[in-house]
Amino acid sequence: MTPARLRPLQFGGAVAVLAATMLAALLVGAADLPVTGVVKALLDRVPFVDADSGLSTVERNVLFELRLPRVLLGAMVGGLLAIAGAGYQGVFRNPLADPYLLGAAAGAGVGATLVIVVVPGDPAFAIPLAAFVGAISGVFLAYALGSTAGRGNGPGAATLVLAGVAVSNFLAAVQTFLQQANAEELQRIFSWILGGLGLADWPTLAMIAPYALVSTVVLLLHGRLLDVLSVGEEEANSLGVSAARVRLIVLIAASLATACAVAVSGLIGFVGIVVPHAVRRLAGGSYRVVLPLSLLLGAAFLELADLVARTVVAPGELPLGVVTAFVGAPFFVVILRATRRQVDT
């Protein structure tokens, strides 16, 4: 049987969807911008292209200092969460696995909470870095705990899940203690936990871009190996593929992607479950297809969610995690029912 490959039509369609959502996010907001002016202003930033956008100074500032960093960050966060979710689902062979499975969310929550309650004044500059370190630390603790029960080839999938649950609960307890001991900071803590792209700026993008690039490339390069791993660990080993090594590399890359996303956006749920599952329904189950399409459509999904978050109650703004939960929770039930039917049959 010929291995599944990403078709040009699939790739082109996903790119078109992402481009359309990004353009819509650039145009719509408290200050509407003209379509032709935005397109010309963007083209004017391309080397050797000279285009007069006709935008005023205020409109250019809105576009390049407010909208564009937020749109790029939203695309990056959505793509990272979706591709990380697909990677976790491939490793654990479970469509319900999500990017926060091994303690990344709980670790990021502790890191961000610590900064908010310890650093005086407005510590917005330090929250992403603390959340990033916390997310990586949470995953490291889960893997270290799972390794204690390993048998020479690293921890198994079930052991890792149990270790992730244990670490997540412990870190959640630490965060709850910090919140109760610093009740005056609860609003700021919950504002970060519910997720959003309010921290979007060019320095933030530059901070996480290298890590996001590395993790994404590693995950994309492991699509074929995840396809082999999907037939079972023993079968994969018989084909010369080290299941333990593939699992470790994919988990590190997916956890790094998750940490990047959580560090700059807070906790945004369901993206890593909804998007990969939808891609499988549309394009099949090969990870050579699921991973790149999840990256592109996850970015588009979060762009749409952020557009809803900042327009539906304008001039106010809904937490981004609330919007994704409205879509993701019913979808999660659909996945759960479908998975249960597969098990029953």
C-alpha atoms as a PDB file:
ATOM      1  CA  MET A   1       0.000   0.000   0.000  1.00  0.00           C
ATOM      2  CA  THR A   2       1.337   3.392  -0.972  1.00  0.00           C
ATOM      3  CA  PRO A   3       2.011   5.544   2.126  1.00  0.00           C
ATOM      4  CA  ALA A   4      -0.246   8.571   2.482  1.00  0.00           C
ATOM      5  CA  ARG A   5       1.280  11.888   1.525  1.00  0.00           C
ATOM      6  CA  LEU A   6       0.119  15.449   1.843  1.00  0.00           C
ATOM      7  CA  ARG A   7      -1.602  16.353  -1.426  1.00  0.00           C
ATOM      8  CA  PRO A   8      -1.061  19.762  -3.018  1.00  0.00           C
ATOM      9  CA  LEU A   9      -4.814  20.437  -2.953  1.00  0.00           C
ATOM     10  CA  GLN A  10      -4.984  19.694   0.783  1.00  0.00           C
ATOM     11  CA  PHE A  11      -2.004  21.894   1.529  1.00  0.00           C
ATOM     12  CA  GLY A  12      -3.208  24.708  -0.709  1.00  0.00           C
ATOM     13  CA  GLY A  13      -6.688  24.620   0.802  1.00  0.00           C
ATOM     14  CA  ALA A  14      -5.336  24.813   4.347  1.00  0.00           C
ATOM     15  CA  VAL A  15      -3.020  27.694   3.430  1.00  0.00           C
ATOM     16  CA  ALA A  16      -5.933  29.534   1.809  1.00  0.00           C
ATOM     17  CA  VAL A  17      -8.097  29.093   4.916  1.00  0.00           C
ATOM     18  CA  LEU A  18      -5.308  30.372   7.140  1.00  0.00           C
ATOM     19  CA  ALA A  19      -4.600  33.365   4.882  1.00  0.00           C
ATOM     20  CA  ALA A  20      -8.301  34.296   4.825  1.00  0.00           C
ATOM     21  CA  THR A  21      -8.660  34.129   8.615  1.00  0.00           C
ATOM     22  CA  MET A  22      -5.483  36.127   9.169  1.00  0.00           C
ATOM     23  CA  LEU A  23      -6.614  38.826   6.734  1.00  0.00           C
ATOM     24  CA  ALA A  24     -10.015  38.989   8.451  1.00  0.00           C
ATOM     25  CA  ALA A  25      -8.314  39.336  11.834  1.00  0.00           C
ATOM     26  CA  LEU A  26      -6.182  42.194  10.493  1.00  0.00           C
ATOM     27  CA  LEU A  27      -9.169  44.060   9.073  1.00  0.00           C
ATOM     28  CA  VAL A  28     -11.790  43.697  11.809  1.00  0.00           C
ATOM     29  CA  GLY A  29     -11.588  45.416  15.157  1.00  0.00           C
ATOM     30  CA  ALA A  30     -12.419  48.566  17.067  1.00  0.00           C
ATOM     31  CA  ALA A  31     -10.900  50.535  14.180  1.00  0.00           C
ATOM     32  CA  ASP A  32     -11.809  48.989  10.829  1.00  0.00           C
ATOM     33  CA  LEU A  33      -9.039  49.160   8.233  1.00  0.00           C
ATOM     34  CA  PRO A  34      -9.512  49.244   4.427  1.00  0.00           C
ATOM     35  CA  VAL A  35      -8.749  45.981   2.646  1.00  0.00           C
ATOM     36  CA  THR A  36      -6.685  47.498  -0.162  1.00  0.00           C
ATOM     37  CA  GLY A  37      -4.759  49.696   2.261  1.00  0.00           C
ATOM     38  CA  VAL A  38      -3.849  46.746   4.482  1.00  0.00           C
ATOM     39  CA  VAL A  39      -2.780  44.569   1.553  1.00  0.00           C
ATOM     40  CA  LYS A  40      -0.649  47.363   0.074  1.00  0.00           C
ATOM     41  CA  ALA A  41       0.894  48.160   3.459  1.00  0.00           C
ATOM     42  CA  LEU A  42       1.881  44.508   3.900  1.00  0.00           C
ATOM     43  CA  LEU A  43       3.289  44.339   0.367  1.00  0.00           C
ATOM     44  CA  ASP A  44       5.259  47.513   1.025  1.00  0.00           C
ATOM     45  CA  ARG A  45       7.204  45.609   3.716  1.00  0.00           C
ATOM     46  CA  VAL A  46       8.325  43.009   1.163  1.00  0.00           C
ATOM     47  CA  PRO A  47      11.868  43.665  -0.121  1.00  0.00           C
ATOM     48  CA  PHE A  48      12.028  45.364  -3.532  1.00  0.00           C
ATOM     49  CA  VAL A  49       8.275  46.113  -3.460  1.00  0.00           C
ATOM     50  CA  ASP A  50       7.084  49.709  -3.263  1.00  0.00           C
ATOM     51  CA  ALA A  51       3.358  50.166  -2.632  1.00  0.00           C
ATOM     52  CA  ASP A  52       1.596  53.273  -1.379  1.00  0.00           C
ATOM     53  CA  SER A  53      -1.027  52.031   1.076  1.00  0.00           C
ATOM     54  CA  GLY A  54      -2.689  55.357   1.708  1.00  0.00           C
ATOM     55  CA  LEU A  55      -3.036  54.511   5.404  1.00  0.00           C
ATOM     56  CA  SER A  56      -2.691  57.275   7.947  1.00  0.00           C
ATOM     57  CA  THR A  57      -0.014  57.179  10.638  1.00  0.00           C
ATOM     58  CA  VAL A  58      -2.565  56.035  13.208  1.00  0.00           C
ATOM     59  CA  GLU A  59      -3.838  53.275  10.909  1.00  0.00           C
ATOM     60  CA  ARG A  60      -0.302  52.058  10.218  1.00  0.00           C
ATOM     61  CA  ASN A  61       0.419  51.961  13.952  1.00  0.00           C
ATOM     62  CA  VAL A  62      -2.791  49.996  14.569  1.00  0.00           C
ATOM     63  CA  LEU A  63      -1.856  47.550  11.817  1.00  0.00           C
ATOM     64  CA  PHE A  64       1.823  46.980  12.573  1.00  0.00           C
ATOM     65  CA  GLU A  65       2.024  47.542  16.331  1.00  0.00           C
ATOM     66  CA  LEU A  66      -1.305  46.074  17.483  1.00  0.00           C
ATOM     67  CA  ARG A  67      -3.030  43.882  14.908  1.00  0.00           C
ATOM     68  CA  LEU A  68      -0.157  42.188  13.077  1.00  0.00           C
ATOM     69  CA  PRO A  69       1.750  40.993  16.197  1.00  0.00           C
ATOM     70  CA  ARG A  70      -1.511  39.659  17.654  1.00  0.00           C
ATOM     71  CA  VAL A  71      -2.457  37.892  14.428  1.00  0.00           C
ATOM     72  CA  LEU A  72       0.984  36.303  14.091  1.00  0.00           C
ATOM     73  CA  LEU A  73       0.997  35.258  17.743  1.00  0.00           C
ATOM     74  CA  GLY A  74      -2.482  33.775  17.419  1.00  0.00           C
ATOM     75  CA  ALA A  75      -1.435  31.774  14.375  1.00  0.00           C
ATOM     76  CA  MET A  76       1.693  30.592  16.148  1.00  0.00           C
ATOM     77  CA  VAL A  77      -0.128  29.565  19.335  1.00  0.00           C
ATOM     78  CA  GLY A  78      -2.946  27.809  17.499  1.00  0.00           C
ATOM     79  CA  GLY A  79      -0.573  25.949  15.209  1.00  0.00           C
ATOM     80  CA  LEU A  80       1.694  24.894  18.078  1.00  0.00           C
ATOM     81  CA  LEU A  81      -1.168  23.606  20.238  1.00  0.00           C
ATOM     82  CA  ALA A  82      -2.694  21.676  17.336  1.00  0.00           C
ATOM     83  CA  ILE A  83       0.518  20.049  16.135  1.00  0.00           C
ATOM     84  CA  ALA A  84       1.516  19.259  19.728  1.00  0.00           C
ATOM     85  CA  GLY A  85      -1.872  17.649  20.283  1.00  0.00           C
ATOM     86  CA  ALA A  86      -1.435  15.547  17.136  1.00  0.00           C
ATOM     87  CA  GLY A  87       2.022  14.495  18.345  1.00  0.00           C
ATOM     88  CA  TYR A  88       0.714  13.456  21.769  1.00  0.00           C
ATOM     89  CA  GLN A  89      -2.152  11.541  20.169  1.00  0.00           C
ATOM     90  CA  GLY A  90       0.310   9.714  17.939  1.00  0.00           C
ATOM     91  CA  VAL A  91       2.570   8.767  20.835  1.00  0.00           C
ATOM     92  CA  PHE A  92      -0.244   7.585  23.092  1.00  0.00           C
ATOM     93  CA  ARG A  93      -2.422   6.291  20.227  1.00  0.00           C
ATOM     94  CA  ASN A  94      -5.380   8.039  21.818  1.00  0.00           C
ATOM     95  CA  PRO A  95      -7.496  10.752  20.103  1.00  0.00           C
ATOM     96  CA  LEU A  96      -8.317  12.238  23.519  1.00  0.00           C
ATOM     97  CA  ALA A  97      -4.698  13.056  24.388  1.00  0.00           C
ATOM     98  CA  ASP A  98      -4.020  16.794  24.484  1.00  0.00           C
ATOM     99  CA  PRO A  99      -0.978  19.081  24.779  1.00  0.00           C
ATOM    100  CA  TYR A 100      -1.477  19.542  28.531  1.00  0.00           C
ATOM    101  CA  LEU A 101      -1.394  15.825  29.317  1.00  0.00           C
ATOM    102  CA  LEU A 102       2.043  15.665  30.974  1.00  0.00           C
ATOM    103  CA  GLY A 103       1.821  18.645  33.306  1.00  0.00           C
ATOM    104  CA  ALA A 104       2.707  21.504  30.953  1.00  0.00           C
ATOM    105  CA  ALA A 105      -0.409  23.484  31.838  1.00  0.00           C
ATOM    106  CA  ALA A 106      -0.047  22.984  35.577  1.00  0.00           C
ATOM    107  CA  GLY A 107       3.652  23.849  35.482  1.00  0.00           C
ATOM    108  CA  ALA A 108       3.000  26.988  33.456  1.00  0.00           C
ATOM    109  CA  GLY A 109       0.264  27.973  35.882  1.00  0.00           C
ATOM    110  CA  VAL A 110       2.606  27.706  38.846  1.00  0.00           C
ATOM    111  CA  GLY A 111       5.321  29.691  37.065  1.00  0.00           C
ATOM    112  CA  ALA A 112       2.979  32.501  36.055  1.00  0.00           C
ATOM    113  CA  THR A 113       1.335  32.603  39.493  1.00  0.00           C
ATOM    114  CA  LEU A 114       4.684  32.833  41.233  1.00  0.00           C
ATOM    115  CA  VAL A 115       5.687  35.829  39.139  1.00  0.00           C
ATOM    116  CA  ILE A 116       2.346  37.576  39.673  1.00  0.00           C
ATOM    117  CA  VAL A 117       2.450  37.197  43.465  1.00  0.00           C
ATOM    118  CA  VAL A 118       6.194  37.739  43.978  1.00  0.00           C
ATOM    119  CA  VAL A 119       7.260  40.403  41.465  1.00  0.00           C
ATOM    120  CA  PRO A 120       6.034  43.865  42.496  1.00  0.00           C
ATOM    121  CA  GLY A 121       4.179  46.160  40.121  1.00  0.00           C
ATOM    122  CA  ASP A 122       3.164  44.918  36.681  1.00  0.00           C
ATOM    123  CA  PRO A 123       5.263  41.806  35.896  1.00  0.00           C
ATOM    124  CA  ALA A 124       3.823  41.276  32.406  1.00  0.00           C
ATOM    125  CA  PHE A 125       7.333  41.157  30.945  1.00  0.00           C
ATOM    126  CA  ALA A 126       8.297  38.204  33.157  1.00  0.00           C
ATOM    127  CA  ILE A 127       5.128  36.105  32.924  1.00  0.00           C
ATOM    128  CA  PRO A 128       5.894  34.423  29.559  1.00  0.00           C
ATOM    129  CA  LEU A 129       9.384  33.373  30.632  1.00  0.00           C
ATOM    130  CA  ALA A 130       8.168  32.049  33.999  1.00  0.00           C
ATOM    131  CA  ALA A 131       5.304  30.162  32.347  1.00  0.00           C
ATOM    132  CA  PHE A 132       7.696  28.674  29.782  1.00  0.00           C
ATOM    133  CA  VAL A 133      10.100  27.466  32.472  1.00  0.00           C
ATOM    134  CA  GLY A 134       7.192  26.123  34.526  1.00  0.00           C
ATOM    135  CA  ALA A 135       5.723  24.203  31.584  1.00  0.00           C
ATOM    136  CA  ILE A 136       9.043  22.584  30.704  1.00  0.00           C
ATOM    137  CA  SER A 137       9.658  21.765  34.376  1.00  0.00           C
ATOM    138  CA  GLY A 138       6.233  20.124  34.706  1.00  0.00           C
ATOM    139  CA  VAL A 139       6.838  17.853  31.717  1.00  0.00           C
ATOM    140  CA  PHE A 140      10.353  17.029  32.943  1.00  0.00           C
ATOM    141  CA  LEU A 141       8.990  16.028  36.360  1.00  0.00           C
ATOM    142  CA  ALA A 142       6.341  13.824  34.747  1.00  0.00           C
ATOM    143  CA  TYR A 143       8.882  12.091  32.521  1.00  0.00           C
ATOM    144  CA  ALA A 144      11.338  11.657  35.412  1.00  0.00           C
ATOM    145  CA  LEU A 145       8.595  10.160  37.566  1.00  0.00           C
ATOM    146  CA  GLY A 146       7.502   7.870  34.764  1.00  0.00           C
ATOM    147  CA  SER A 147      11.091   6.780  34.151  1.00  0.00           C
ATOM    148  CA  THR A 148      11.360   5.412  37.674  1.00  0.00           C
ATOM    149  CA  ALA A 149       8.840   2.780  36.632  1.00  0.00           C
ATOM    150  CA  GLY A 150      10.457   2.111  33.252  1.00  0.00           C
ATOM    151  CA  ARG A 151      12.187  -1.108  32.298  1.00  0.00           C
ATOM    152  CA  GLY A 152      15.332   0.069  30.600  1.00  0.00           C
ATOM    153  CA  ASN A 153      13.653   1.357  27.446  1.00  0.00           C
ATOM    154  CA  GLY A 154      12.044   4.386  29.030  1.00  0.00           C
ATOM    155  CA  PRO A 155       8.575   4.737  30.492  1.00  0.00           C
ATOM    156  CA  GLY A 156       5.618   3.261  28.639  1.00  0.00           C
ATOM    157  CA  ALA A 157       2.677   5.307  27.409  1.00  0.00           C
ATOM    158  CA  ALA A 158       0.355   4.311  30.258  1.00  0.00           C
ATOM    159  CA  THR A 159       3.055   5.041  32.845  1.00  0.00           C
ATOM    160  CA  LEU A 160       3.660   8.479  31.372  1.00  0.00           C
ATOM    161  CA  VAL A 161      -0.036   9.318  31.501  1.00  0.00           C
ATOM    162  CA  LEU A 162      -0.269   8.317  35.155  1.00  0.00           C
ATOM    163  CA  ALA A 163       2.880  10.299  35.967  1.00  0.00           C
ATOM    164  CA  GLY A 164       1.454  13.323  34.147  1.00  0.00           C
ATOM    165  CA  VAL A 165      -1.772  13.100  36.142  1.00  0.00           C
ATOM    166  CA  ALA A 166       0.154  12.889  39.406  1.00  0.00           C
ATOM    167  CA  VAL A 167       2.420  15.836  38.600  1.00  0.00           C
ATOM    168  CA  SER A 168      -0.490  17.921  37.303  1.00  0.00           C
ATOM    169  CA  ASN A 169      -2.481  17.390  40.489  1.00  0.00           C
ATOM    170  CA  PHE A 170       0.503  18.213  42.675  1.00  0.00           C
ATOM    171  CA  LEU A 171       1.297  21.415  40.771  1.00  0.00           C
ATOM    172  CA  ALA A 172      -2.380  22.390  40.743  1.00  0.00           C
ATOM    173  CA  ALA A 173      -2.359  22.083  44.530  1.00  0.00           C
ATOM    174  CA  VAL A 174       0.721  24.321  44.714  1.00  0.00           C
ATOM    175  CA  GLN A 175      -0.967  26.907  42.516  1.00  0.00           C
ATOM    176  CA  THR A 176      -4.150  26.795  44.618  1.00  0.00           C
ATOM    177  CA  PHE A 177      -2.099  27.377  47.752  1.00  0.00           C
ATOM    178  CA  LEU A 178      -0.393  30.389  46.172  1.00  0.00           C
ATOM    179  CA  GLN A 179      -3.750  31.801  45.102  1.00  0.00           C
ATOM    180  CA  GLN A 180      -5.285  31.424  48.537  1.00  0.00           C
ATOM    181  CA  ALA A 181      -2.257  33.005  50.173  1.00  0.00           C
ATOM    182  CA  ASN A 182      -2.433  35.976  47.779  1.00  0.00           C
ATOM    183  CA  ALA A 183      -6.162  36.554  47.329  1.00  0.00           C
ATOM    184  CA  GLU A 184      -5.632  40.144  46.208  1.00  0.00           C
ATOM    185  CA  GLU A 185      -3.975  38.883  42.999  1.00  0.00           C
ATOM    186  CA  LEU A 186      -6.714  36.392  42.069  1.00  0.00           C
ATOM    187  CA  GLN A 187      -8.154  38.518  39.274  1.00  0.00           C
ATOM    188  CA  ARG A 188      -4.812  38.835  37.504  1.00  0.00           C
ATOM    189  CA  ILE A 189      -4.078  35.126  37.972  1.00  0.00           C
ATOM    190  CA  PHE A 190      -7.440  34.013  36.585  1.00  0.00           C
ATOM    191  CA  SER A 191      -7.127  36.478  33.722  1.00  0.00           C
ATOM    192  CA  TRP A 192      -3.928  34.721  32.651  1.00  0.00           C
ATOM    193  CA  ILE A 193      -5.334  31.218  33.246  1.00  0.00           C
ATOM    194  CA  LEU A 194      -8.347  31.835  30.985  1.00  0.00           C
ATOM    195  CA  GLY A 195      -6.032  32.617  28.087  1.00  0.00           C
ATOM    196  CA  GLY A 196      -5.646  35.468  25.652  1.00  0.00           C
ATOM    197  CA  LEU A 197      -3.303  37.219  23.259  1.00  0.00           C
ATOM    198  CA  GLY A 198      -3.094  40.520  25.101  1.00  0.00           C
ATOM    199  CA  LEU A 199       0.680  40.190  25.547  1.00  0.00           C
ATOM    200  CA  ALA A 200       1.265  40.134  21.785  1.00  0.00           C
ATOM    201  CA  ASP A 201       4.164  42.317  20.623  1.00  0.00           C
ATOM    202  CA  TRP A 202       7.256  41.886  18.492  1.00  0.00           C
ATOM    203  CA  PRO A 203       9.663  41.059  21.379  1.00  0.00           C
ATOM    204  CA  THR A 204       7.318  38.303  22.565  1.00  0.00           C
ATOM    205  CA  LEU A 205       7.204  36.813  19.077  1.00  0.00           C
ATOM    206  CA  ALA A 206      10.993  36.965  18.819  1.00  0.00           C
ATOM    207  CA  MET A 207      11.358  35.267  22.207  1.00  0.00           C
ATOM    208  CA  ILE A 208       9.435  32.103  21.343  1.00  0.00           C
ATOM    209  CA  ALA A 209      10.005  31.907  17.570  1.00  0.00           C
ATOM    210  CA  PRO A 210      13.246  29.856  17.703  1.00  0.00           C
ATOM    211  CA  TYR A 211      11.752  27.262  20.069  1.00  0.00           C
ATOM    212  CA  ALA A 212       8.545  27.130  18.054  1.00  0.00           C
ATOM    213  CA  LEU A 213      10.483  26.575  14.825  1.00  0.00           C
ATOM    214  CA  VAL A 214      12.630  23.769  16.252  1.00  0.00           C
ATOM    215  CA  SER A 215       9.710  21.916  17.830  1.00  0.00           C
ATOM    216  CA  THR A 216       7.573  22.223  14.695  1.00  0.00           C
ATOM    217  CA  VAL A 217      10.314  20.950  12.369  1.00  0.00           C
ATOM    218  CA  VAL A 218      11.062  17.974  14.635  1.00  0.00           C
ATOM    219  CA  LEU A 219       7.389  16.997  14.809  1.00  0.00           C
ATOM    220  CA  LEU A 220       6.904  17.291  11.050  1.00  0.00           C
ATOM    221  CA  LEU A 221       9.965  15.129  10.421  1.00  0.00           C
ATOM    222  CA  HIS A 222       8.545  12.366  12.641  1.00  0.00           C
ATOM    223  CA  GLY A 223       5.273  11.924  10.775  1.00  0.00           C
ATOM    224  CA  ARG A 224       6.363   8.701   9.072  1.00  0.00           C
ATOM    225  CA  LEU A 225       7.734   7.245  12.316  1.00  0.00           C
ATOM    226  CA  LEU A 226       4.471   8.011  14.116  1.00  0.00           C
ATOM    227  CA  ASP A 227       2.666   6.108  11.353  1.00  0.00           C
ATOM    228  CA  VAL A 228       4.915   3.135  12.060  1.00  0.00           C
ATOM    229  CA  LEU A 229       4.379   3.519  15.799  1.00  0.00           C
ATOM    230  CA  SER A 230       0.604   3.496  15.294  1.00  0.00           C
ATOM    231  CA  VAL A 231       0.654  -0.204  14.401  1.00  0.00           C
ATOM    232  CA  GLY A 232       2.035  -1.058  17.856  1.00  0.00           C
ATOM    233  CA  GLU A 233       5.324  -0.903  19.713  1.00  0.00           C
ATOM    234  CA  GLU A 234       6.312  -4.515  19.113  1.00  0.00           C
ATOM    235  CA  GLU A 235       5.592  -4.244  15.399  1.00  0.00           C
ATOM    236  CA  ALA A 236       7.500  -0.962  15.217  1.00  0.00           C
ATOM    237  CA  ASN A 237      10.521  -2.500  16.946  1.00  0.00           C
ATOM    238  CA  SER A 238      10.408  -5.455  14.566  1.00  0.00           C
ATOM    239  CA  LEU A 239      10.616  -2.982  11.671  1.00  0.00           C
ATOM    240  CA  GLY A 240      13.742  -1.416  13.135  1.00  0.00           C
ATOM    241  CA  VAL A 241      12.050   1.603  14.685  1.00  0.00           C
ATOM    242  CA  SER A 242      12.876   2.283  18.330  1.00  0.00           C
ATOM    243  CA  ALA A 243       9.468   3.042  19.831  1.00  0.00           C
ATOM    244  CA  ALA A 244      11.017   4.416  23.034  1.00  0.00           C
ATOM    245  CA  ARG A 245      13.296   6.814  21.146  1.00  0.00           C
ATOM    246  CA  VAL A 246      10.506   8.043  18.860  1.00  0.00           C
ATOM    247  CA  ARG A 247       8.245   8.538  21.866  1.00  0.00           C
ATOM    248  CA  LEU A 248      10.878  10.520  23.743  1.00  0.00           C
ATOM    249  CA  ILE A 249      11.759  12.802  20.811  1.00  0.00           C
ATOM    250  CA  VAL A 250       8.124  13.495  19.917  1.00  0.00           C
ATOM    251  CA  LEU A 251       7.208  14.140  23.553  1.00  0.00           C
ATOM    252  CA  ILE A 252      10.094  16.595  23.955  1.00  0.00           C
ATOM    253  CA  ALA A 253       9.170  18.444  20.750  1.00  0.00           C
ATOM    254  CA  ALA A 254       5.432  18.486  21.534  1.00  0.00           C
ATOM    255  CA  SER A 255       6.097  19.636  25.097  1.00  0.00           C
ATOM    256  CA  LEU A 256       8.382  22.407  23.854  1.00  0.00           C
ATOM    257  CA  ALA A 257       5.676  23.532  21.426  1.00  0.00           C
ATOM    258  CA  THR A 258       3.104  23.491  24.234  1.00  0.00           C
ATOM    259  CA  ALA A 259       5.387  25.441  26.543  1.00  0.00           C
ATOM    260  CA  CYS A 260       5.899  28.124  23.878  1.00  0.00           C
ATOM    261  CA  ALA A 261       2.159  28.485  23.359  1.00  0.00           C
ATOM    262  CA  VAL A 262       1.219  28.492  27.039  1.00  0.00           C
ATOM    263  CA  ALA A 263       3.964  30.950  27.927  1.00  0.00           C
ATOM    264  CA  VAL A 264       2.515  33.727  25.773  1.00  0.00           C
ATOM    265  CA  SER A 265      -1.214  32.944  25.754  1.00  0.00           C
ATOM    266  CA  GLY A 266      -2.156  31.307  29.036  1.00  0.00           C
ATOM    267  CA  LEU A 267      -4.234  28.134  29.054  1.00  0.00           C
ATOM    268  CA  ILE A 268      -6.314  27.720  25.891  1.00  0.00           C
ATOM    269  CA  GLY A 269      -8.088  24.399  25.862  1.00  0.00           C
ATOM    270  CA  PHE A 270      -9.461  22.030  23.222  1.00  0.00           C
ATOM    271  CA  VAL A 271      -7.369  23.280  20.264  1.00  0.00           C
ATOM    272  CA  GLY A 272      -5.042  20.297  20.530  1.00  0.00           C
ATOM    273  CA  ILE A 273      -7.967  17.851  20.564  1.00  0.00           C
ATOM    274  CA  VAL A 274     -10.465  19.413  18.166  1.00  0.00           C
ATOM    275  CA  VAL A 275      -8.177  20.309  15.265  1.00  0.00           C
ATOM    276  CA  PRO A 276      -6.209  17.030  14.853  1.00  0.00           C
ATOM    277  CA  HIS A 277      -9.426  15.007  15.139  1.00  0.00           C
ATOM    278  CA  ALA A 278     -11.152  17.152  12.504  1.00  0.00           C
ATOM    279  CA  VAL A 279      -8.129  16.761  10.224  1.00  0.00           C
ATOM    280  CA  ARG A 280      -8.282  12.968  10.559  1.00  0.00           C
ATOM    281  CA  ARG A 281     -11.941  13.009   9.577  1.00  0.00           C
ATOM    282  CA  LEU A 282     -11.204  15.154   6.530  1.00  0.00           C
ATOM    283  CA  ALA A 283      -7.845  13.825   5.314  1.00  0.00           C
ATOM    284  CA  GLY A 284      -7.248  10.398   6.867  1.00  0.00           C
ATOM    285  CA  GLY A 285      -5.164   9.173   9.757  1.00  0.00           C
ATOM    286  CA  SER A 286      -1.599   9.284   8.405  1.00  0.00           C
ATOM    287  CA  TYR A 287       0.556  11.560  10.531  1.00  0.00           C
ATOM    288  CA  ARG A 288       2.440  12.666   7.433  1.00  0.00           C
ATOM    289  CA  VAL A 289      -0.817  14.453   6.602  1.00  0.00           C
ATOM    290  CA  VAL A 290      -2.265  15.090  10.070  1.00  0.00           C
ATOM    291  CA  LEU A 291       0.744  16.991  11.443  1.00  0.00           C
ATOM    292  CA  PRO A 292       1.144  19.686   8.725  1.00  0.00           C
ATOM    293  CA  LEU A 293      -2.604  20.173   8.296  1.00  0.00           C
ATOM    294  CA  SER A 294      -3.078  20.427  12.065  1.00  0.00           C
ATOM    295  CA  LEU A 295      -0.395  23.126  12.148  1.00  0.00           C
ATOM    296  CA  LEU A 296      -2.137  25.214   9.471  1.00  0.00           C
ATOM    297  CA  LEU A 297      -5.751  24.658  10.509  1.00  0.00           C
ATOM    298  CA  GLY A 298      -4.937  25.039  14.206  1.00  0.00           C
ATOM    299  CA  ALA A 299      -3.556  28.471  13.402  1.00  0.00           C
ATOM    300  CA  ALA A 300      -6.719  29.325  11.444  1.00  0.00           C
ATOM    301  CA  PHE A 301      -8.986  28.002  14.208  1.00  0.00           C
ATOM    302  CA  LEU A 302      -7.384  30.177  16.863  1.00  0.00           C
ATOM    303  CA  GLU A 303      -7.456  33.222  14.587  1.00  0.00           C
ATOM    304  CA  LEU A 304     -11.224  32.821  14.270  1.00  0.00           C
ATOM    305  CA  ALA A 305     -11.616  32.234  18.004  1.00  0.00           C
ATOM    306  CA  ASP A 306      -9.619  35.368  18.819  1.00  0.00           C
ATOM    307  CA  LEU A 307     -11.633  37.373  16.301  1.00  0.00           C
ATOM    308  CA  VAL A 308     -14.815  36.291  18.082  1.00  0.00           C
ATOM    309  CA  ALA A 309     -13.268  36.959  21.502  1.00  0.00           C
ATOM    310  CA  ARG A 310     -12.465  40.587  20.729  1.00  0.00           C
ATOM    311  CA  THR A 311     -15.591  41.489  18.740  1.00  0.00           C
ATOM    312  CA  VAL A 312     -18.592  39.690  20.231  1.00  0.00           C
ATOM    313  CA  VAL A 313     -18.697  41.888  23.364  1.00  0.00           C
ATOM    314  CA  ALA A 314     -16.843  44.914  21.942  1.00  0.00           C
ATOM    315  CA  PRO A 315     -15.451  47.194  23.274  1.00  0.00           C
ATOM    316  CA  GLY A 316     -14.806  44.483  25.889  1.00  0.00           C
ATOM    317  CA  GLU A 317     -13.010  41.210  25.216  1.00  0.00           C
ATOM    318  CA  LEU A 318     -13.870  37.628  26.127  1.00  0.00           C
ATOM    319  CA  PRO A 319     -11.129  35.337  27.459  1.00  0.00           C
ATOM    320  CA  LEU A 320      -9.896  33.294  24.533  1.00  0.00           C
ATOM    321  CA  GLY A 321     -10.117  30.056  26.503  1.00  0.00           C
ATOM    322  CA  VAL A 322     -13.849  30.650  26.982  1.00  0.00           C
ATOM    323  CA  VAL A 323     -14.423  30.902  23.223  1.00  0.00           C
ATOM    324  CA  THR A 324     -12.469  27.728  22.425  1.00  0.00           C
ATOM    325  CA  ALA A 325     -14.333  25.907  25.212  1.00  0.00           C
ATOM    326  CA  PHE A 326     -17.701  26.835  23.660  1.00  0.00           C
ATOM    327  CA  VAL A 327     -16.601  25.098  20.459  1.00  0.00           C
ATOM    328  CA  GLY A 328     -14.382  22.423  21.934  1.00  0.00           C
ATOM    329  CA  ALA A 329     -16.551  21.036  24.728  1.00  0.00           C
ATOM    330  CA  PRO A 330     -19.368  19.784  22.443  1.00  0.00           C
ATOM    331  CA  PHE A 331     -16.781  18.524  19.963  1.00  0.00           C
ATOM    332  CA  PHE A 332     -15.022  16.655  22.786  1.00  0.00           C
ATOM    333  CA  VAL A 333     -18.289  14.844  23.547  1.00  0.00           C
ATOM    334  CA  VAL A 334     -18.551  13.821  19.877  1.00  0.00           C
ATOM    335  CA  ILE A 335     -14.983  12.446  19.954  1.00  0.00           C
ATOM    336  CA  LEU A 336     -15.682  10.610  23.206  1.00  0.00           C
ATOM    337  CA  ARG A 337     -18.817   8.971  21.801  1.00  0.00           C
ATOM    338  CA  ALA A 338     -17.037   7.985  18.586  1.00  0.00           C
ATOM    339  CA  THR A 339     -14.116   6.518  20.539  1.00  0.00           C
ATOM    340  CA  ARG A 340     -16.478   4.576  22.782  1.00  0.00           C
ATOM    341  CA  ARG A 341     -18.297   3.112  19.751  1.00  0.00           C
ATOM    342  CA  GLN A 342     -14.959   1.980  18.307  1.00  0.00           C
ATOM    343  CA  VAL A 343     -14.066   0.274  21.588  1.00  0.00           C
ATOM    344  CA  ASP A 344     -17.479  -1.409  21.849  1.00  0.00           C
ATOM    345  CA  THR A 345     -17.227  -2.790  18.327  1.00  0.00           C
END
